[in-house]
Amino acid sequence: MNQSGIKTHRGKNWFSSSVISVLKRKHERDLMNVQVRNQYFPTKISKFEVNYYIFD
């Protein structure tokens, strides 16, 4: 990334530890997304009401 001229969000050069940290956080986000998508949420039907008022 340094050779390509890509800087960090603070405008600094990349270190191997910062690359590993970014990849680790992305992996954690991806796992969380898969877990939420595959989670079963029961259907709940409840009373729905819309109130509106007209002001003259």
C-alpha atoms as a PDB file:
ATOM      1  CA  MET A   1       0.000   0.000   0.000  1.00  0.00           C
ATOM      2  CA  ASN A   2       2.891   2.315   0.681  1.00  0.00           C
ATOM      3  CA  GLN A   3       4.263   1.680  -2.826  1.00  0.00           C
ATOM      4  CA  SER A   4       0.861   2.491  -4.339  1.00  0.00           C
ATOM      5  CA  GLY A   5       0.686   5.757  -2.417  1.00  0.00           C
ATOM      6  CA  ILE A   6      -2.282   4.697  -0.289  1.00  0.00           C
ATOM      7  CA  LYS A   7      -2.126   6.356   3.123  1.00  0.00           C
ATOM      8  CA  THR A   8      -3.962   5.552   6.334  1.00  0.00           C
ATOM      9  CA  HIS A   9      -6.982   7.639   7.336  1.00  0.00           C
ATOM     10  CA  ARG A  10      -4.570   9.894   9.253  1.00  0.00           C
ATOM     11  CA  GLY A  11      -2.277  10.333   6.247  1.00  0.00           C
ATOM     12  CA  LYS A  12       0.514   8.106   7.586  1.00  0.00           C
ATOM     13  CA  ASN A  13       2.364   5.163   6.035  1.00  0.00           C
ATOM     14  CA  TRP A  14       1.108   1.631   6.589  1.00  0.00           C
ATOM     15  CA  PHE A  15       2.840  -0.763   8.970  1.00  0.00           C
ATOM     16  CA  SER A  16       2.275  -4.505   9.007  1.00  0.00           C
ATOM     17  CA  SER A  17       0.584  -4.252  12.401  1.00  0.00           C
ATOM     18  CA  SER A  18      -1.908  -1.658  11.153  1.00  0.00           C
ATOM     19  CA  VAL A  19      -2.760  -3.785   8.100  1.00  0.00           C
ATOM     20  CA  ILE A  20      -3.313  -6.829  10.306  1.00  0.00           C
ATOM     21  CA  SER A  21      -5.501  -4.758  12.632  1.00  0.00           C
ATOM     22  CA  VAL A  22      -7.699  -3.522   9.776  1.00  0.00           C
ATOM     23  CA  LEU A  23      -8.066  -7.035   8.346  1.00  0.00           C
ATOM     24  CA  LYS A  24      -8.924  -8.408  11.811  1.00  0.00           C
ATOM     25  CA  ARG A  25     -11.685  -5.826  12.324  1.00  0.00           C
ATOM     26  CA  LYS A  26     -13.093  -6.551   8.837  1.00  0.00           C
ATOM     27  CA  HIS A  27     -13.134 -10.272   9.593  1.00  0.00           C
ATOM     28  CA  GLU A  28     -14.989  -9.624  12.879  1.00  0.00           C
ATOM     29  CA  ARG A  29     -17.564  -7.443  11.073  1.00  0.00           C
ATOM     30  CA  ASP A  30     -18.073 -10.117   8.409  1.00  0.00           C
ATOM     31  CA  LEU A  31     -18.627 -12.805  11.056  1.00  0.00           C
ATOM     32  CA  MET A  32     -21.125 -10.616  12.895  1.00  0.00           C
ATOM     33  CA  ASN A  33     -23.050  -9.947   9.670  1.00  0.00           C
ATOM     34  CA  VAL A  34     -23.255 -13.668   8.875  1.00  0.00           C
ATOM     35  CA  GLN A  35     -24.463 -14.443  12.409  1.00  0.00           C
ATOM     36  CA  VAL A  36     -27.193 -11.787  12.275  1.00  0.00           C
ATOM     37  CA  ARG A  37     -28.348 -12.827   8.798  1.00  0.00           C
ATOM     38  CA  ASN A  38     -28.649 -16.480   9.807  1.00  0.00           C
ATOM     39  CA  GLN A  39     -30.349 -15.752  13.124  1.00  0.00           C
ATOM     40  CA  TYR A  40     -34.028 -16.644  13.416  1.00  0.00           C
ATOM     41  CA  PHE A  41     -36.334 -13.813  14.419  1.00  0.00           C
ATOM     42  CA  PRO A  42     -39.886 -14.880  15.288  1.00  0.00           C
ATOM     43  CA  THR A  43     -42.778 -13.135  13.592  1.00  0.00           C
ATOM     44  CA  LYS A  44     -44.694 -10.828  15.880  1.00  0.00           C
ATOM     45  CA  ILE A  45     -48.010  -9.328  14.829  1.00  0.00           C
ATOM     46  CA  SER A  46     -49.285  -6.461  16.916  1.00  0.00           C
ATOM     47  CA  LYS A  47     -51.844  -3.693  16.728  1.00  0.00           C
ATOM     48  CA  PHE A  48     -50.805  -0.909  14.411  1.00  0.00           C
ATOM     49  CA  GLU A  49     -52.373   2.506  14.753  1.00  0.00           C
ATOM     50  CA  VAL A  50     -51.825   5.758  12.894  1.00  0.00           C
ATOM     51  CA  ASN A  51     -53.019   9.018  14.410  1.00  0.00           C
ATOM     52  CA  TYR A  52     -53.057  12.255  12.497  1.00  0.00           C
ATOM     53  CA  TYR A  53     -54.309  15.700  13.325  1.00  0.00           C
ATOM     54  CA  ILE A  54     -55.354  18.549  11.057  1.00  0.00           C
ATOM     55  CA  PHE A  55     -54.468  22.033  12.260  1.00  0.00           C
ATOM     56  CA  ASP A  56     -56.220  24.984  10.636  1.00  0.00           C
END
